[in-house]
Amino acid sequence: MSETKKKKSVKWGEEPKLSVLDALYLPAIVSGLTTAMRHAVSGKPMTRQYPEVEPEIPPNYRGVHRLNRDEEGRVKCVACYMCQTACPANCIEIIAAPAPKDDPHWKDRDKYPATFTIDELRCIYCGMCEEACPVDAIELTSVYDLTGMTREEMIFDKEKLLSVFDQTVDSGNDPVRTNRGILGPASEASQKAKDAPPPPGRGRRG
């Protein structure tokens, strides 16, 4: 390509020229005040009155972690370190221990997590840990109200993560992402809601 064609293919941006009003931000201020007044006189609530009115959490929301239990009530984690390795924020720390061989409940395990901690303040809630877990032991739940007075309170140990599992199971707010299918769990949850029969006395909308 010749130098002439190169010059023609380059388009130089020019800094927009501001008028006196634009430089004083008067049009932007008037536009903002107009929008605020329109919302004020419309009568429609624009602000959610939290915590009196709780938000509607979508099925694929990534909130507080939990450690799942298996059918026997044991922690599902096999201490393979996959989640700790995949975590980009380095907020997971696991210390593995050999499974007690004299206990028949642990005969199918080689290891289990003696300690399992997650720093919820360091976590970026990307979901890489639950994607990496080969046994679906760790999940991000729909629990969103995560608060603490000290940093130590925001470091969840194994017992606290298991208590989040018990809490979400009892409330019926199980995560859906790790129950994978063809469409993906969030899409399948939406499809199941559409395919569900209508309540008695109501017809299905088209």
N, C-alpha and C. Protein backbone atom coordinates (compact mmCIF):
# COMPACT_ATOMS: atom_id res chain seq x y z
N MET A 1 0.85 -1.19 0.00
CA MET A 1 0.00 0.00 0.00
C MET A 1 0.88 1.25 0.00
N SER A 2 0.57 2.18 -0.88
CA SER A 2 1.39 3.37 -1.00
C SER A 2 1.13 4.32 0.16
N GLU A 3 2.06 5.29 0.29
CA GLU A 3 1.94 6.26 1.36
C GLU A 3 0.69 7.12 1.20
N THR A 4 0.33 7.39 -0.08
CA THR A 4 -0.86 8.21 -0.32
C THR A 4 -2.12 7.50 0.15
N LYS A 5 -2.24 6.20 -0.16
CA LYS A 5 -3.41 5.43 0.26
C LYS A 5 -3.45 5.30 1.79
N LYS A 6 -2.28 5.14 2.41
CA LYS A 6 -2.23 5.06 3.87
C LYS A 6 -2.76 6.33 4.50
N LYS A 7 -2.34 7.48 3.94
CA LYS A 7 -2.80 8.76 4.49
C LYS A 7 -4.30 8.92 4.33
N LYS A 8 -4.84 8.46 3.17
CA LYS A 8 -6.27 8.58 2.95
C LYS A 8 -7.07 7.67 3.86
N SER A 9 -6.52 6.52 4.23
CA SER A 9 -7.24 5.57 5.08
C SER A 9 -7.24 5.97 6.55
N VAL A 10 -6.40 6.92 6.94
CA VAL A 10 -6.34 7.38 8.32
C VAL A 10 -7.27 8.56 8.50
N LYS A 11 -8.17 8.45 9.43
CA LYS A 11 -9.10 9.52 9.73
C LYS A 11 -8.75 10.11 11.09
N TRP A 12 -8.42 11.38 11.09
CA TRP A 12 -8.03 12.04 12.32
C TRP A 12 -9.25 12.63 13.01
N GLY A 13 -9.38 12.33 14.29
CA GLY A 13 -10.48 12.88 15.05
C GLY A 13 -10.19 14.30 15.48
N GLU A 14 -11.20 15.11 15.44
CA GLU A 14 -11.05 16.51 15.84
C GLU A 14 -11.81 16.75 17.15
N GLU A 15 -11.19 17.51 17.99
CA GLU A 15 -11.81 17.84 19.27
C GLU A 15 -13.04 18.71 19.03
N PRO A 16 -14.20 18.31 19.57
CA PRO A 16 -15.41 19.11 19.33
C PRO A 16 -15.28 20.50 19.95
N LYS A 17 -15.85 21.46 19.25
CA LYS A 17 -15.82 22.83 19.75
C LYS A 17 -17.04 23.07 20.64
N LEU A 18 -16.79 23.50 21.84
CA LEU A 18 -17.86 23.73 22.81
C LEU A 18 -18.29 25.19 22.77
N SER A 19 -19.58 25.37 22.84
CA SER A 19 -20.09 26.73 22.95
C SER A 19 -19.93 27.21 24.39
N VAL A 20 -20.27 28.46 24.63
CA VAL A 20 -20.16 29.00 25.98
C VAL A 20 -21.09 28.27 26.93
N LEU A 21 -22.31 27.96 26.47
CA LEU A 21 -23.26 27.24 27.31
C LEU A 21 -22.77 25.83 27.63
N ASP A 22 -22.20 25.15 26.61
CA ASP A 22 -21.67 23.80 26.86
C ASP A 22 -20.51 23.84 27.83
N ALA A 23 -19.67 24.84 27.72
CA ALA A 23 -18.53 24.95 28.63
C ALA A 23 -18.97 25.20 30.06
N LEU A 24 -20.11 25.84 30.25
CA LEU A 24 -20.66 26.08 31.59
C LEU A 24 -21.55 24.93 32.07
N TYR A 25 -21.71 23.89 31.24
CA TYR A 25 -22.53 22.71 31.57
C TYR A 25 -24.00 23.05 31.76
N LEU A 26 -24.46 24.19 31.26
CA LEU A 26 -25.85 24.58 31.45
C LEU A 26 -26.83 23.63 30.76
N PRO A 27 -26.60 23.21 29.49
CA PRO A 27 -27.53 22.27 28.87
C PRO A 27 -27.63 20.94 29.63
N ALA A 28 -26.50 20.45 30.12
CA ALA A 28 -26.52 19.19 30.86
C ALA A 28 -27.29 19.35 32.17
N ILE A 29 -27.11 20.48 32.86
CA ILE A 29 -27.83 20.72 34.11
C ILE A 29 -29.32 20.81 33.86
N VAL A 30 -29.71 21.54 32.83
CA VAL A 30 -31.14 21.67 32.51
C VAL A 30 -31.73 20.32 32.14
N SER A 31 -31.00 19.51 31.36
CA SER A 31 -31.49 18.19 30.98
C SER A 31 -31.67 17.29 32.20
N GLY A 32 -30.71 17.35 33.12
CA GLY A 32 -30.83 16.54 34.34
C GLY A 32 -31.99 16.97 35.21
N LEU A 33 -32.19 18.28 35.37
CA LEU A 33 -33.31 18.77 36.16
C LEU A 33 -34.65 18.41 35.52
N THR A 34 -34.70 18.45 34.19
CA THR A 34 -35.92 18.09 33.48
C THR A 34 -36.28 16.62 33.71
N THR A 35 -35.27 15.75 33.64
CA THR A 35 -35.51 14.32 33.89
C THR A 35 -35.97 14.09 35.32
N ALA A 36 -35.33 14.77 36.29
CA ALA A 36 -35.71 14.61 37.69
C ALA A 36 -37.14 15.08 37.94
N MET A 37 -37.54 16.21 37.35
CA MET A 37 -38.90 16.72 37.53
C MET A 37 -39.92 15.80 36.86
N ARG A 38 -39.56 15.23 35.71
CA ARG A 38 -40.48 14.32 35.03
C ARG A 38 -40.74 13.08 35.88
N HIS A 39 -39.70 12.55 36.50
CA HIS A 39 -39.87 11.40 37.38
C HIS A 39 -40.64 11.77 38.64
N ALA A 40 -40.44 12.99 39.13
CA ALA A 40 -41.10 13.40 40.37
C ALA A 40 -42.61 13.53 40.19
N VAL A 41 -43.05 14.01 39.04
CA VAL A 41 -44.48 14.23 38.82
C VAL A 41 -45.17 13.01 38.20
N SER A 42 -44.39 11.99 37.79
CA SER A 42 -45.02 10.82 37.17
C SER A 42 -45.76 9.97 38.18
N GLY A 43 -45.35 10.03 39.45
CA GLY A 43 -46.00 9.23 40.49
C GLY A 43 -45.51 7.80 40.57
N LYS A 44 -44.63 7.37 39.66
CA LYS A 44 -44.11 6.01 39.68
C LYS A 44 -42.88 5.94 40.59
N PRO A 45 -42.81 4.94 41.47
CA PRO A 45 -41.63 4.84 42.34
C PRO A 45 -40.39 4.47 41.53
N MET A 46 -39.33 5.23 41.70
CA MET A 46 -38.09 5.00 40.96
C MET A 46 -37.01 4.37 41.83
N THR A 47 -37.26 4.31 43.14
CA THR A 47 -36.27 3.78 44.07
C THR A 47 -36.86 2.59 44.82
N ARG A 48 -36.11 1.50 44.90
CA ARG A 48 -36.56 0.34 45.65
C ARG A 48 -36.34 0.60 47.14
N GLN A 49 -37.36 0.41 47.93
CA GLN A 49 -37.29 0.69 49.36
C GLN A 49 -36.65 -0.49 50.09
N TYR A 50 -35.35 -0.68 49.84
CA TYR A 50 -34.61 -1.74 50.51
C TYR A 50 -34.21 -1.27 51.91
N PRO A 51 -34.30 -2.09 52.97
CA PRO A 51 -34.54 -3.54 52.96
C PRO A 51 -36.00 -3.95 53.11
N GLU A 52 -36.94 -2.98 53.20
CA GLU A 52 -38.34 -3.36 53.31
C GLU A 52 -38.79 -4.15 52.09
N VAL A 53 -38.34 -3.74 50.89
CA VAL A 53 -38.67 -4.44 49.65
C VAL A 53 -37.38 -5.07 49.13
N GLU A 54 -37.32 -6.39 49.17
CA GLU A 54 -36.10 -7.09 48.74
C GLU A 54 -36.08 -7.23 47.22
N PRO A 55 -34.88 -7.22 46.63
CA PRO A 55 -34.79 -7.34 45.16
C PRO A 55 -35.11 -8.74 44.69
N GLU A 56 -35.50 -8.85 43.43
CA GLU A 56 -35.74 -10.15 42.81
C GLU A 56 -34.41 -10.64 42.22
N ILE A 57 -33.90 -11.72 42.79
CA ILE A 57 -32.58 -12.22 42.39
C ILE A 57 -32.74 -13.19 41.22
N PRO A 58 -32.01 -12.99 40.12
CA PRO A 58 -32.12 -13.92 38.98
C PRO A 58 -31.50 -15.27 39.31
N PRO A 59 -31.86 -16.31 38.56
CA PRO A 59 -31.36 -17.66 38.87
C PRO A 59 -29.85 -17.79 38.77
N ASN A 60 -29.22 -17.00 37.91
CA ASN A 60 -27.77 -17.12 37.72
C ASN A 60 -26.98 -16.10 38.53
N TYR A 61 -27.56 -15.56 39.58
CA TYR A 61 -26.87 -14.58 40.43
C TYR A 61 -25.71 -15.27 41.16
N ARG A 62 -24.60 -14.57 41.27
CA ARG A 62 -23.43 -15.11 41.97
C ARG A 62 -23.22 -14.35 43.27
N GLY A 63 -23.65 -14.96 44.37
CA GLY A 63 -23.53 -14.34 45.67
C GLY A 63 -22.59 -15.12 46.58
N VAL A 64 -22.96 -15.23 47.84
CA VAL A 64 -22.12 -15.87 48.85
C VAL A 64 -21.90 -17.34 48.50
N HIS A 65 -20.70 -17.83 48.76
CA HIS A 65 -20.37 -19.23 48.47
C HIS A 65 -21.02 -20.18 49.48
N ARG A 66 -21.10 -21.43 49.06
CA ARG A 66 -21.47 -22.49 49.98
C ARG A 66 -20.69 -23.74 49.63
N LEU A 67 -20.46 -24.59 50.61
CA LEU A 67 -19.91 -25.92 50.39
C LEU A 67 -21.06 -26.92 50.49
N ASN A 68 -21.21 -27.76 49.48
CA ASN A 68 -22.33 -28.70 49.45
C ASN A 68 -22.04 -29.94 50.27
N ARG A 69 -23.12 -30.54 50.73
CA ARG A 69 -23.04 -31.82 51.42
C ARG A 69 -23.50 -32.92 50.47
N ASP A 70 -22.98 -34.14 50.71
CA ASP A 70 -23.46 -35.27 49.92
C ASP A 70 -24.66 -35.92 50.62
N GLU A 71 -25.08 -37.08 50.11
CA GLU A 71 -26.26 -37.73 50.65
C GLU A 71 -26.09 -38.15 52.10
N GLU A 72 -24.85 -38.35 52.54
CA GLU A 72 -24.59 -38.77 53.92
C GLU A 72 -24.32 -37.59 54.84
N GLY A 73 -24.43 -36.37 54.33
CA GLY A 73 -24.20 -35.20 55.16
C GLY A 73 -22.76 -34.75 55.25
N ARG A 74 -21.85 -35.45 54.54
CA ARG A 74 -20.44 -35.06 54.56
C ARG A 74 -20.21 -33.92 53.59
N VAL A 75 -19.13 -33.19 53.81
CA VAL A 75 -18.76 -32.16 52.84
C VAL A 75 -18.38 -32.85 51.53
N LYS A 76 -18.89 -32.34 50.42
CA LYS A 76 -18.67 -32.97 49.13
C LYS A 76 -17.24 -32.81 48.63
N CYS A 77 -16.55 -31.80 49.11
CA CYS A 77 -15.21 -31.49 48.64
C CYS A 77 -14.26 -32.67 48.86
N VAL A 78 -13.42 -32.95 47.85
CA VAL A 78 -12.43 -34.02 47.94
C VAL A 78 -11.02 -33.46 48.04
N ALA A 79 -10.90 -32.15 48.31
CA ALA A 79 -9.60 -31.50 48.51
C ALA A 79 -8.66 -31.73 47.34
N CYS A 80 -9.15 -31.49 46.13
CA CYS A 80 -8.32 -31.66 44.94
C CYS A 80 -7.58 -30.38 44.57
N TYR A 81 -7.93 -29.27 45.21
CA TYR A 81 -7.28 -27.97 45.00
C TYR A 81 -7.59 -27.35 43.64
N MET A 82 -8.56 -27.88 42.91
CA MET A 82 -8.87 -27.32 41.60
C MET A 82 -9.43 -25.90 41.72
N CYS A 83 -10.30 -25.67 42.70
CA CYS A 83 -10.88 -24.33 42.86
C CYS A 83 -9.83 -23.33 43.31
N GLN A 84 -8.96 -23.76 44.22
CA GLN A 84 -7.90 -22.88 44.69
C GLN A 84 -6.95 -22.53 43.55
N THR A 85 -6.67 -23.48 42.67
CA THR A 85 -5.79 -23.23 41.55
C THR A 85 -6.44 -22.31 40.52
N ALA A 86 -7.74 -22.49 40.28
CA ALA A 86 -8.43 -21.70 39.26
C ALA A 86 -8.75 -20.29 39.72
N CYS A 87 -8.77 -20.04 41.01
CA CYS A 87 -9.21 -18.74 41.53
C CYS A 87 -8.25 -17.63 41.13
N PRO A 88 -8.72 -16.62 40.37
CA PRO A 88 -7.82 -15.54 39.96
C PRO A 88 -7.53 -14.55 41.07
N ALA A 89 -8.34 -14.56 42.13
CA ALA A 89 -8.14 -13.61 43.23
C ALA A 89 -7.36 -14.21 44.39
N ASN A 90 -7.02 -15.51 44.30
CA ASN A 90 -6.29 -16.20 45.37
C ASN A 90 -6.97 -16.02 46.73
N CYS A 91 -8.30 -16.20 46.74
CA CYS A 91 -9.04 -16.01 47.98
C CYS A 91 -9.42 -17.32 48.64
N ILE A 92 -9.08 -18.46 48.05
CA ILE A 92 -9.43 -19.78 48.59
C ILE A 92 -8.18 -20.44 49.14
N GLU A 93 -8.31 -20.99 50.34
CA GLU A 93 -7.19 -21.72 50.95
C GLU A 93 -7.71 -23.04 51.51
N ILE A 94 -7.09 -24.12 51.09
CA ILE A 94 -7.51 -25.46 51.50
C ILE A 94 -6.33 -26.18 52.12
N ILE A 95 -6.58 -26.87 53.22
CA ILE A 95 -5.60 -27.78 53.82
C ILE A 95 -6.24 -29.16 53.81
N ALA A 96 -5.64 -30.09 53.06
CA ALA A 96 -6.20 -31.43 52.92
C ALA A 96 -5.73 -32.33 54.04
N ALA A 97 -6.53 -33.34 54.31
CA ALA A 97 -6.18 -34.36 55.31
C ALA A 97 -6.62 -35.71 54.77
N PRO A 98 -5.89 -36.79 55.09
CA PRO A 98 -6.32 -38.11 54.61
C PRO A 98 -7.63 -38.52 55.28
N ALA A 99 -8.48 -39.14 54.51
CA ALA A 99 -9.77 -39.60 55.05
C ALA A 99 -9.52 -40.71 56.08
N PRO A 100 -10.26 -40.70 57.18
CA PRO A 100 -10.07 -41.75 58.19
C PRO A 100 -10.46 -43.12 57.65
N LYS A 101 -9.49 -44.01 57.54
CA LYS A 101 -9.73 -45.32 56.94
C LYS A 101 -10.55 -46.24 57.85
N ASP A 102 -10.51 -45.98 59.18
CA ASP A 102 -11.25 -46.84 60.09
C ASP A 102 -12.73 -46.48 60.15
N ASP A 103 -13.12 -45.40 59.51
CA ASP A 103 -14.52 -44.98 59.50
C ASP A 103 -15.15 -45.45 58.18
N PRO A 104 -16.16 -46.32 58.25
CA PRO A 104 -16.77 -46.84 57.00
C PRO A 104 -17.44 -45.75 56.15
N HIS A 105 -17.78 -44.62 56.76
CA HIS A 105 -18.41 -43.54 56.01
C HIS A 105 -17.43 -42.85 55.05
N TRP A 106 -16.13 -43.06 55.26
CA TRP A 106 -15.13 -42.38 54.43
C TRP A 106 -14.34 -43.36 53.57
N LYS A 107 -14.84 -44.56 53.40
CA LYS A 107 -14.07 -45.57 52.64
C LYS A 107 -13.96 -45.23 51.16
N ASP A 108 -14.85 -44.36 50.66
CA ASP A 108 -14.81 -43.99 49.24
C ASP A 108 -13.99 -42.74 48.99
N ARG A 109 -13.34 -42.20 49.99
CA ARG A 109 -12.56 -40.98 49.84
C ARG A 109 -11.10 -41.21 50.22
N ASP A 110 -10.23 -40.55 49.50
CA ASP A 110 -8.82 -40.55 49.87
C ASP A 110 -8.48 -39.34 50.73
N LYS A 111 -9.11 -38.20 50.41
CA LYS A 111 -8.83 -36.96 51.14
C LYS A 111 -10.13 -36.22 51.40
N TYR A 112 -10.03 -35.31 52.33
CA TYR A 112 -11.13 -34.38 52.59
C TYR A 112 -10.51 -33.08 53.09
N PRO A 113 -11.20 -31.95 53.02
CA PRO A 113 -10.60 -30.70 53.49
C PRO A 113 -10.64 -30.58 55.01
N ALA A 114 -9.47 -30.61 55.62
CA ALA A 114 -9.43 -30.36 57.07
C ALA A 114 -9.83 -28.92 57.35
N THR A 115 -9.37 -27.98 56.51
CA THR A 115 -9.82 -26.60 56.58
C THR A 115 -10.11 -26.12 55.16
N PHE A 116 -11.10 -25.26 55.04
CA PHE A 116 -11.48 -24.67 53.76
C PHE A 116 -11.96 -23.26 54.06
N THR A 117 -11.21 -22.27 53.60
CA THR A 117 -11.56 -20.88 53.89
C THR A 117 -11.63 -20.07 52.59
N ILE A 118 -12.56 -19.12 52.58
CA ILE A 118 -12.71 -18.19 51.46
C ILE A 118 -12.77 -16.77 52.02
N ASP A 119 -11.91 -15.91 51.51
CA ASP A 119 -11.94 -14.50 51.87
C ASP A 119 -12.98 -13.81 50.98
N GLU A 120 -14.16 -13.55 51.53
CA GLU A 120 -15.25 -12.99 50.74
C GLU A 120 -14.97 -11.54 50.31
N LEU A 121 -14.06 -10.86 50.99
CA LEU A 121 -13.72 -9.50 50.59
C LEU A 121 -12.76 -9.48 49.41
N ARG A 122 -11.93 -10.49 49.31
CA ARG A 122 -10.99 -10.56 48.20
C ARG A 122 -11.63 -11.15 46.95
N CYS A 123 -12.65 -11.98 47.13
CA CYS A 123 -13.29 -12.67 46.02
C CYS A 123 -13.91 -11.68 45.04
N ILE A 124 -13.83 -11.98 43.74
CA ILE A 124 -14.43 -11.13 42.70
C ILE A 124 -15.70 -11.78 42.14
N TYR A 125 -16.12 -12.92 42.70
CA TYR A 125 -17.39 -13.57 42.36
C TYR A 125 -17.49 -13.86 40.86
N CYS A 126 -16.42 -14.42 40.33
CA CYS A 126 -16.36 -14.73 38.90
C CYS A 126 -16.94 -16.11 38.60
N GLY A 127 -17.03 -16.99 39.59
CA GLY A 127 -17.57 -18.32 39.39
C GLY A 127 -16.58 -19.34 38.87
N MET A 128 -15.28 -18.97 38.79
CA MET A 128 -14.29 -19.92 38.29
C MET A 128 -14.15 -21.13 39.21
N CYS A 129 -14.35 -20.94 40.50
CA CYS A 129 -14.19 -22.05 41.45
C CYS A 129 -15.23 -23.13 41.20
N GLU A 130 -16.49 -22.74 41.02
CA GLU A 130 -17.52 -23.75 40.79
C GLU A 130 -17.41 -24.37 39.40
N GLU A 131 -16.86 -23.63 38.44
CA GLU A 131 -16.63 -24.21 37.13
C GLU A 131 -15.52 -25.26 37.18
N ALA A 132 -14.51 -25.02 38.02
CA ALA A 132 -13.36 -25.93 38.08
C ALA A 132 -13.64 -27.16 38.92
N CYS A 133 -14.58 -27.10 39.84
CA CYS A 133 -14.80 -28.20 40.79
C CYS A 133 -15.33 -29.43 40.06
N PRO A 134 -14.66 -30.58 40.18
CA PRO A 134 -15.11 -31.79 39.46
C PRO A 134 -16.28 -32.49 40.14
N VAL A 135 -16.59 -32.15 41.38
CA VAL A 135 -17.66 -32.85 42.10
C VAL A 135 -18.78 -31.92 42.52
N ASP A 136 -18.82 -30.69 41.98
CA ASP A 136 -19.86 -29.71 42.32
C ASP A 136 -19.96 -29.49 43.82
N ALA A 137 -18.79 -29.33 44.46
CA ALA A 137 -18.78 -29.15 45.91
C ALA A 137 -18.94 -27.70 46.33
N ILE A 138 -18.54 -26.77 45.47
CA ILE A 138 -18.61 -25.35 45.82
C ILE A 138 -19.52 -24.65 44.82
N GLU A 139 -20.37 -23.78 45.34
CA GLU A 139 -21.31 -23.03 44.50
C GLU A 139 -21.45 -21.61 45.03
N LEU A 140 -21.79 -20.71 44.13
CA LEU A 140 -22.15 -19.36 44.52
C LEU A 140 -23.67 -19.28 44.58
N THR A 141 -24.20 -18.78 45.67
CA THR A 141 -25.63 -18.83 45.92
C THR A 141 -26.27 -17.49 45.60
N SER A 142 -27.57 -17.40 45.87
CA SER A 142 -28.31 -16.15 45.68
C SER A 142 -28.32 -15.29 46.93
N VAL A 143 -27.54 -15.64 47.94
CA VAL A 143 -27.45 -14.84 49.16
C VAL A 143 -26.61 -13.60 48.85
N TYR A 144 -27.19 -12.43 48.96
CA TYR A 144 -26.53 -11.20 48.54
C TYR A 144 -26.20 -10.26 49.70
N ASP A 145 -26.90 -10.40 50.83
CA ASP A 145 -26.69 -9.47 51.94
C ASP A 145 -25.52 -9.93 52.80
N LEU A 146 -24.33 -9.63 52.34
CA LEU A 146 -23.09 -10.07 52.98
C LEU A 146 -22.47 -8.88 53.72
N THR A 147 -22.50 -8.93 55.03
CA THR A 147 -21.96 -7.84 55.82
C THR A 147 -21.12 -8.40 56.97
N GLY A 148 -20.26 -7.56 57.50
CA GLY A 148 -19.44 -7.94 58.64
C GLY A 148 -18.79 -6.72 59.26
N MET A 149 -18.57 -6.76 60.54
CA MET A 149 -17.97 -5.63 61.25
C MET A 149 -16.45 -5.66 61.22
N THR A 150 -15.87 -6.84 61.00
CA THR A 150 -14.41 -6.97 60.94
C THR A 150 -14.04 -7.81 59.72
N ARG A 151 -12.78 -7.75 59.34
CA ARG A 151 -12.31 -8.56 58.21
C ARG A 151 -12.39 -10.04 58.54
N GLU A 152 -12.16 -10.39 59.80
CA GLU A 152 -12.21 -11.79 60.19
C GLU A 152 -13.60 -12.39 59.97
N GLU A 153 -14.63 -11.57 60.16
CA GLU A 153 -15.99 -12.07 59.94
C GLU A 153 -16.26 -12.37 58.48
N MET A 154 -15.50 -11.77 57.59
CA MET A 154 -15.72 -11.97 56.16
C MET A 154 -14.87 -13.11 55.59
N ILE A 155 -14.13 -13.79 56.43
CA ILE A 155 -13.40 -14.97 56.01
C ILE A 155 -14.22 -16.19 56.43
N PHE A 156 -14.84 -16.84 55.47
CA PHE A 156 -15.74 -17.95 55.74
C PHE A 156 -14.94 -19.25 55.82
N ASP A 157 -15.07 -19.95 56.95
CA ASP A 157 -14.41 -21.24 57.08
C ASP A 157 -15.37 -22.35 56.64
N LYS A 158 -14.93 -23.60 56.80
CA LYS A 158 -15.71 -24.73 56.30
C LYS A 158 -17.08 -24.81 56.97
N GLU A 159 -17.11 -24.60 58.28
CA GLU A 159 -18.37 -24.69 59.00
C GLU A 159 -19.36 -23.62 58.55
N LYS A 160 -18.85 -22.42 58.31
CA LYS A 160 -19.73 -21.33 57.88
C LYS A 160 -20.23 -21.56 56.47
N LEU A 161 -19.38 -22.09 55.60
CA LEU A 161 -19.79 -22.39 54.23
C LEU A 161 -20.82 -23.52 54.20
N LEU A 162 -20.67 -24.48 55.09
CA LEU A 162 -21.68 -25.55 55.18
C LEU A 162 -22.99 -25.03 55.74
N SER A 163 -22.92 -24.03 56.64
CA SER A 163 -24.14 -23.46 57.18
C SER A 163 -24.90 -22.67 56.11
N VAL A 164 -24.17 -22.07 55.15
CA VAL A 164 -24.83 -21.40 54.03
C VAL A 164 -25.57 -22.44 53.18
N PHE A 165 -24.98 -23.63 53.01
CA PHE A 165 -25.67 -24.71 52.30
C PHE A 165 -26.97 -25.07 53.00
N ASP A 166 -26.91 -25.26 54.31
CA ASP A 166 -28.13 -25.61 55.06
C ASP A 166 -29.17 -24.50 54.94
N GLN A 167 -28.72 -23.25 54.99
CA GLN A 167 -29.64 -22.12 54.90
C GLN A 167 -30.34 -22.06 53.55
N THR A 168 -29.59 -22.23 52.47
CA THR A 168 -30.19 -22.14 51.14
C THR A 168 -31.07 -23.34 50.84
N VAL A 169 -30.71 -24.51 51.33
CA VAL A 169 -31.55 -25.69 51.11
C VAL A 169 -32.87 -25.53 51.85
N ASP A 170 -32.82 -25.06 53.10
CA ASP A 170 -34.04 -24.88 53.89
C ASP A 170 -34.96 -23.82 53.29
N SER A 171 -34.36 -22.78 52.67
CA SER A 171 -35.17 -21.71 52.11
C SER A 171 -35.62 -22.01 50.68
N GLY A 172 -35.10 -23.08 50.08
CA GLY A 172 -35.48 -23.44 48.71
C GLY A 172 -34.83 -22.58 47.65
N ASN A 173 -33.73 -21.90 47.98
CA ASN A 173 -33.04 -21.03 47.02
C ASN A 173 -31.73 -21.66 46.57
N ASP A 174 -31.81 -22.87 46.04
CA ASP A 174 -30.61 -23.54 45.55
C ASP A 174 -30.08 -22.87 44.30
N PRO A 175 -28.76 -22.79 44.14
CA PRO A 175 -28.20 -22.29 42.88
C PRO A 175 -28.54 -23.24 41.73
N VAL A 176 -28.44 -22.74 40.51
CA VAL A 176 -28.80 -23.56 39.35
C VAL A 176 -27.64 -23.77 38.40
N ARG A 177 -26.53 -23.07 38.56
CA ARG A 177 -25.49 -23.11 37.55
C ARG A 177 -24.80 -24.46 37.43
N THR A 178 -24.59 -25.15 38.53
CA THR A 178 -23.81 -26.38 38.45
C THR A 178 -24.64 -27.57 38.01
N ASN A 179 -25.96 -27.42 37.93
CA ASN A 179 -26.80 -28.47 37.34
C ASN A 179 -26.85 -28.25 35.83
N ARG A 180 -25.77 -28.60 35.18
CA ARG A 180 -25.59 -28.21 33.79
C ARG A 180 -26.41 -29.06 32.84
N GLY A 181 -26.87 -28.44 31.76
CA GLY A 181 -27.58 -29.13 30.70
C GLY A 181 -27.16 -28.58 29.36
N ILE A 182 -27.96 -28.83 28.33
CA ILE A 182 -27.61 -28.39 26.98
C ILE A 182 -27.69 -26.88 26.87
N LEU A 183 -28.77 -26.29 27.41
CA LEU A 183 -28.97 -24.86 27.26
C LEU A 183 -28.24 -24.03 28.31
N GLY A 184 -27.85 -24.64 29.39
CA GLY A 184 -27.33 -23.88 30.51
C GLY A 184 -28.41 -23.73 31.56
N PRO A 185 -28.05 -23.76 32.83
CA PRO A 185 -29.04 -23.81 33.91
C PRO A 185 -29.97 -22.62 33.96
N ALA A 186 -29.46 -21.41 33.72
CA ALA A 186 -30.33 -20.24 33.81
C ALA A 186 -31.39 -20.27 32.72
N SER A 187 -31.00 -20.67 31.50
CA SER A 187 -31.96 -20.77 30.40
C SER A 187 -32.97 -21.88 30.65
N GLU A 188 -32.49 -22.98 31.22
CA GLU A 188 -33.40 -24.09 31.48
C GLU A 188 -34.39 -23.74 32.58
N ALA A 189 -33.94 -22.97 33.58
CA ALA A 189 -34.87 -22.55 34.63
C ALA A 189 -35.96 -21.67 34.06
N SER A 190 -35.59 -20.77 33.15
CA SER A 190 -36.57 -19.92 32.50
C SER A 190 -37.52 -20.73 31.63
N GLN A 191 -36.97 -21.75 30.93
CA GLN A 191 -37.81 -22.58 30.06
C GLN A 191 -38.78 -23.41 30.88
N LYS A 192 -38.34 -23.90 32.05
CA LYS A 192 -39.24 -24.68 32.90
C LYS A 192 -40.39 -23.83 33.40
N ALA A 193 -40.10 -22.55 33.70
CA ALA A 193 -41.16 -21.66 34.15
C ALA A 193 -42.18 -21.43 33.04
N LYS A 194 -41.70 -21.34 31.80
CA LYS A 194 -42.61 -21.14 30.67
C LYS A 194 -43.46 -22.38 30.41
N ASP A 195 -42.84 -23.57 30.56
CA ASP A 195 -43.54 -24.82 30.27
C ASP A 195 -44.44 -25.28 31.41
N ALA A 196 -44.33 -24.63 32.57
CA ALA A 196 -45.14 -25.05 33.71
C ALA A 196 -46.61 -24.77 33.43
N PRO A 197 -47.51 -25.65 33.89
CA PRO A 197 -48.94 -25.43 33.66
C PRO A 197 -49.41 -24.18 34.38
N PRO A 198 -50.38 -23.45 33.79
CA PRO A 198 -50.87 -22.22 34.44
C PRO A 198 -51.62 -22.53 35.71
N PRO A 199 -51.69 -21.57 36.64
CA PRO A 199 -52.45 -21.80 37.87
C PRO A 199 -53.92 -22.05 37.56
N PRO A 200 -54.64 -22.74 38.44
CA PRO A 200 -56.06 -23.04 38.19
C PRO A 200 -56.85 -21.73 38.01
N GLY A 201 -57.72 -21.74 36.99
CA GLY A 201 -58.56 -20.58 36.75
C GLY A 201 -57.95 -19.54 35.86
N ARG A 202 -56.72 -19.78 35.40
CA ARG A 202 -56.04 -18.82 34.53
C ARG A 202 -55.58 -19.51 33.25
N GLY A 203 -55.70 -18.83 32.15
CA GLY A 203 -55.25 -19.37 30.88
C GLY A 203 -53.80 -19.00 30.63
N ARG A 204 -53.17 -19.70 29.75
CA ARG A 204 -51.78 -19.42 29.39
C ARG A 204 -51.74 -18.26 28.40
N ARG A 205 -50.83 -17.37 28.67
CA ARG A 205 -50.66 -16.25 27.74
C ARG A 205 -49.89 -16.67 26.51
N GLY A 206 -50.20 -16.06 25.41
CA GLY A 206 -49.49 -16.37 24.17
C GLY A 206 -48.18 -15.66 24.09
